[in-house]
Amino acid sequence: MADVSVRFAMTNDSEVVLNLSLPQALRLMEAIARKVGETLAERSGPPGVGGVVPAPQIANGMPSLGPYSPA
């Protein structure tokens, strides 16, 4: 049984549901936060331009759990 269910709305009448263990859900959240951070950093321009300095990857408050390996 899954610890966490994650739902992503795809269209008005469909969704994707992921039933994940807690470590898997944390890795998913970490990966999403990392990708959002990278995208925002790319859109903001070079570091230091306009006072924007990209935050380090650990700034999302989540420790890196390393690569997933099924049990």
N, C-alpha and C. Protein backbone atom coordinates (compact mmCIF):
# COMPACT_ATOMS: atom_id res chain seq x y z
N MET A 1 0.84 -1.18 0.00
CA MET A 1 0.00 0.00 0.00
C MET A 1 0.88 1.24 0.00
N ALA A 2 0.46 2.26 -0.72
CA ALA A 2 1.23 3.49 -0.85
C ALA A 2 1.03 4.38 0.38
N ASP A 3 2.07 5.12 0.71
CA ASP A 3 1.99 6.08 1.79
C ASP A 3 1.38 7.40 1.32
N VAL A 4 1.62 7.73 0.03
CA VAL A 4 1.23 9.04 -0.50
C VAL A 4 0.61 8.85 -1.87
N SER A 5 -0.49 9.52 -2.14
CA SER A 5 -1.07 9.56 -3.48
C SER A 5 -0.86 10.97 -4.02
N VAL A 6 -0.24 11.07 -5.20
CA VAL A 6 0.01 12.35 -5.84
C VAL A 6 -0.86 12.41 -7.09
N ARG A 7 -1.65 13.48 -7.21
CA ARG A 7 -2.55 13.62 -8.35
C ARG A 7 -2.12 14.80 -9.21
N PHE A 8 -2.02 14.55 -10.51
CA PHE A 8 -1.72 15.60 -11.48
C PHE A 8 -2.90 15.71 -12.43
N ALA A 9 -3.54 16.88 -12.48
CA ALA A 9 -4.63 17.11 -13.42
C ALA A 9 -4.03 17.30 -14.80
N MET A 10 -4.46 16.50 -15.75
CA MET A 10 -3.92 16.58 -17.11
C MET A 10 -4.80 17.44 -18.00
N THR A 11 -6.09 17.22 -17.95
CA THR A 11 -7.06 18.03 -18.69
C THR A 11 -8.25 18.21 -17.76
N ASN A 12 -9.33 18.77 -18.30
CA ASN A 12 -10.51 19.00 -17.45
C ASN A 12 -11.11 17.71 -16.91
N ASP A 13 -10.94 16.62 -17.64
CA ASP A 13 -11.60 15.38 -17.22
C ASP A 13 -10.65 14.20 -17.01
N SER A 14 -9.35 14.47 -16.92
CA SER A 14 -8.43 13.36 -16.69
C SER A 14 -7.33 13.77 -15.72
N GLU A 15 -6.77 12.78 -15.08
CA GLU A 15 -5.68 13.02 -14.14
C GLU A 15 -4.79 11.80 -14.08
N VAL A 16 -3.58 12.01 -13.61
CA VAL A 16 -2.64 10.93 -13.37
C VAL A 16 -2.48 10.82 -11.86
N VAL A 17 -2.61 9.62 -11.34
CA VAL A 17 -2.47 9.39 -9.90
C VAL A 17 -1.27 8.48 -9.68
N LEU A 18 -0.32 8.95 -8.87
CA LEU A 18 0.84 8.15 -8.51
C LEU A 18 0.71 7.73 -7.05
N ASN A 19 0.75 6.46 -6.80
CA ASN A 19 0.76 5.95 -5.43
C ASN A 19 2.20 5.62 -5.08
N LEU A 20 2.77 6.43 -4.20
CA LEU A 20 4.19 6.34 -3.90
C LEU A 20 4.45 6.09 -2.43
N SER A 21 5.61 5.51 -2.15
CA SER A 21 6.06 5.42 -0.77
C SER A 21 6.54 6.82 -0.37
N LEU A 22 6.71 7.04 0.89
CA LEU A 22 7.15 8.36 1.35
C LEU A 22 8.51 8.76 0.77
N PRO A 23 9.52 7.88 0.75
CA PRO A 23 10.80 8.28 0.13
C PRO A 23 10.66 8.62 -1.35
N GLN A 24 9.83 7.89 -2.07
CA GLN A 24 9.60 8.20 -3.48
C GLN A 24 8.93 9.55 -3.65
N ALA A 25 7.95 9.85 -2.80
CA ALA A 25 7.26 11.13 -2.86
C ALA A 25 8.23 12.28 -2.56
N LEU A 26 9.12 12.09 -1.60
CA LEU A 26 10.10 13.13 -1.29
C LEU A 26 11.05 13.34 -2.46
N ARG A 27 11.47 12.26 -3.11
CA ARG A 27 12.34 12.39 -4.29
C ARG A 27 11.63 13.12 -5.42
N LEU A 28 10.35 12.83 -5.61
CA LEU A 28 9.56 13.51 -6.64
C LEU A 28 9.48 15.00 -6.35
N MET A 29 9.18 15.35 -5.11
CA MET A 29 9.10 16.77 -4.72
C MET A 29 10.45 17.45 -4.92
N GLU A 30 11.53 16.78 -4.55
CA GLU A 30 12.86 17.34 -4.71
C GLU A 30 13.18 17.57 -6.19
N ALA A 31 12.83 16.61 -7.04
CA ALA A 31 13.10 16.73 -8.47
C ALA A 31 12.29 17.86 -9.09
N ILE A 32 11.03 18.00 -8.70
CA ILE A 32 10.19 19.08 -9.21
C ILE A 32 10.75 20.42 -8.76
N ALA A 33 11.10 20.54 -7.48
CA ALA A 33 11.65 21.80 -6.97
C ALA A 33 12.95 22.15 -7.67
N ARG A 34 13.80 21.17 -7.92
CA ARG A 34 15.07 21.41 -8.61
C ARG A 34 14.83 21.91 -10.02
N LYS A 35 13.89 21.27 -10.74
CA LYS A 35 13.61 21.66 -12.12
C LYS A 35 13.00 23.07 -12.16
N VAL A 36 12.12 23.39 -11.25
CA VAL A 36 11.55 24.74 -11.18
C VAL A 36 12.64 25.75 -10.91
N GLY A 37 13.55 25.45 -9.99
CA GLY A 37 14.66 26.34 -9.68
C GLY A 37 15.57 26.56 -10.88
N GLU A 38 15.87 25.47 -11.61
CA GLU A 38 16.71 25.60 -12.80
C GLU A 38 16.03 26.45 -13.86
N THR A 39 14.74 26.24 -14.05
CA THR A 39 13.99 27.00 -15.05
C THR A 39 13.94 28.47 -14.69
N LEU A 40 13.69 28.78 -13.43
CA LEU A 40 13.66 30.18 -12.99
C LEU A 40 15.03 30.82 -13.13
N ALA A 41 16.09 30.08 -12.83
CA ALA A 41 17.44 30.62 -12.96
C ALA A 41 17.77 30.91 -14.43
N GLU A 42 17.34 30.02 -15.32
CA GLU A 42 17.59 30.24 -16.75
C GLU A 42 16.85 31.48 -17.26
N ARG A 43 15.65 31.68 -16.78
CA ARG A 43 14.84 32.82 -17.24
C ARG A 43 15.32 34.14 -16.65
N SER A 44 15.99 34.09 -15.52
CA SER A 44 16.40 35.32 -14.86
C SER A 44 17.71 35.87 -15.43
N GLY A 45 18.41 35.11 -16.24
CA GLY A 45 19.65 35.58 -16.84
C GLY A 45 20.85 35.12 -16.03
N PRO A 46 22.03 35.65 -16.37
CA PRO A 46 23.26 35.26 -15.67
C PRO A 46 23.20 35.62 -14.18
N PRO A 47 23.89 34.86 -13.32
CA PRO A 47 23.88 35.16 -11.88
C PRO A 47 24.37 36.58 -11.62
N GLY A 48 23.68 37.24 -10.73
CA GLY A 48 24.07 38.58 -10.33
C GLY A 48 23.48 39.69 -11.18
N VAL A 49 22.92 39.37 -12.33
CA VAL A 49 22.32 40.40 -13.19
C VAL A 49 20.96 40.77 -12.61
N GLY A 50 20.75 42.04 -12.39
CA GLY A 50 19.48 42.48 -11.84
C GLY A 50 19.28 42.09 -10.40
N GLY A 51 20.36 41.76 -9.71
CA GLY A 51 20.26 41.40 -8.29
C GLY A 51 19.76 39.99 -8.05
N VAL A 52 19.65 39.18 -9.09
CA VAL A 52 19.14 37.81 -8.93
C VAL A 52 20.31 36.85 -8.85
N VAL A 53 20.39 36.14 -7.76
CA VAL A 53 21.44 35.13 -7.58
C VAL A 53 20.75 33.80 -7.34
N PRO A 54 20.99 32.80 -8.19
CA PRO A 54 20.34 31.50 -7.99
C PRO A 54 20.70 30.91 -6.62
N ALA A 55 19.71 30.31 -5.99
CA ALA A 55 19.92 29.69 -4.68
C ALA A 55 20.58 28.32 -4.88
N PRO A 56 21.35 27.87 -3.91
CA PRO A 56 21.93 26.53 -4.01
C PRO A 56 20.83 25.48 -4.01
N GLN A 57 21.12 24.29 -4.53
CA GLN A 57 20.11 23.25 -4.65
C GLN A 57 19.55 22.81 -3.29
N ILE A 58 20.32 22.89 -2.24
CA ILE A 58 19.84 22.46 -0.93
C ILE A 58 18.85 23.47 -0.34
N ALA A 59 18.68 24.62 -0.99
CA ALA A 59 17.83 25.68 -0.45
C ALA A 59 16.36 25.29 -0.35
N ASN A 60 15.93 24.21 -1.02
CA ASN A 60 14.53 23.83 -0.92
C ASN A 60 14.20 23.15 0.41
N GLY A 61 15.20 22.98 1.27
CA GLY A 61 14.97 22.43 2.59
C GLY A 61 14.87 20.91 2.62
N MET A 62 14.99 20.28 1.46
CA MET A 62 14.87 18.83 1.40
C MET A 62 16.26 18.22 1.22
N PRO A 63 16.62 17.27 2.05
CA PRO A 63 17.92 16.61 1.85
C PRO A 63 17.86 15.74 0.60
N SER A 64 18.97 15.61 -0.07
CA SER A 64 19.02 14.74 -1.24
C SER A 64 19.02 13.29 -0.76
N LEU A 65 18.14 12.50 -1.30
CA LEU A 65 18.03 11.10 -0.90
C LEU A 65 18.80 10.18 -1.83
N GLY A 66 19.40 10.73 -2.85
CA GLY A 66 20.15 9.92 -3.79
C GLY A 66 19.24 9.25 -4.81
N PRO A 67 19.83 8.49 -5.71
CA PRO A 67 19.01 7.83 -6.75
C PRO A 67 18.10 6.77 -6.16
N TYR A 68 16.98 6.58 -6.81
CA TYR A 68 16.01 5.58 -6.37
C TYR A 68 16.48 4.19 -6.75
N SER A 69 16.42 3.28 -5.81
CA SER A 69 16.71 1.88 -6.10
C SER A 69 15.59 1.05 -5.49
N PRO A 70 14.82 0.35 -6.33
CA PRO A 70 13.69 -0.41 -5.81
C PRO A 70 14.13 -1.47 -4.82
N ALA A 71 13.31 -1.66 -3.82
CA ALA A 71 13.62 -2.64 -2.77
C ALA A 71 13.28 -4.05 -3.20
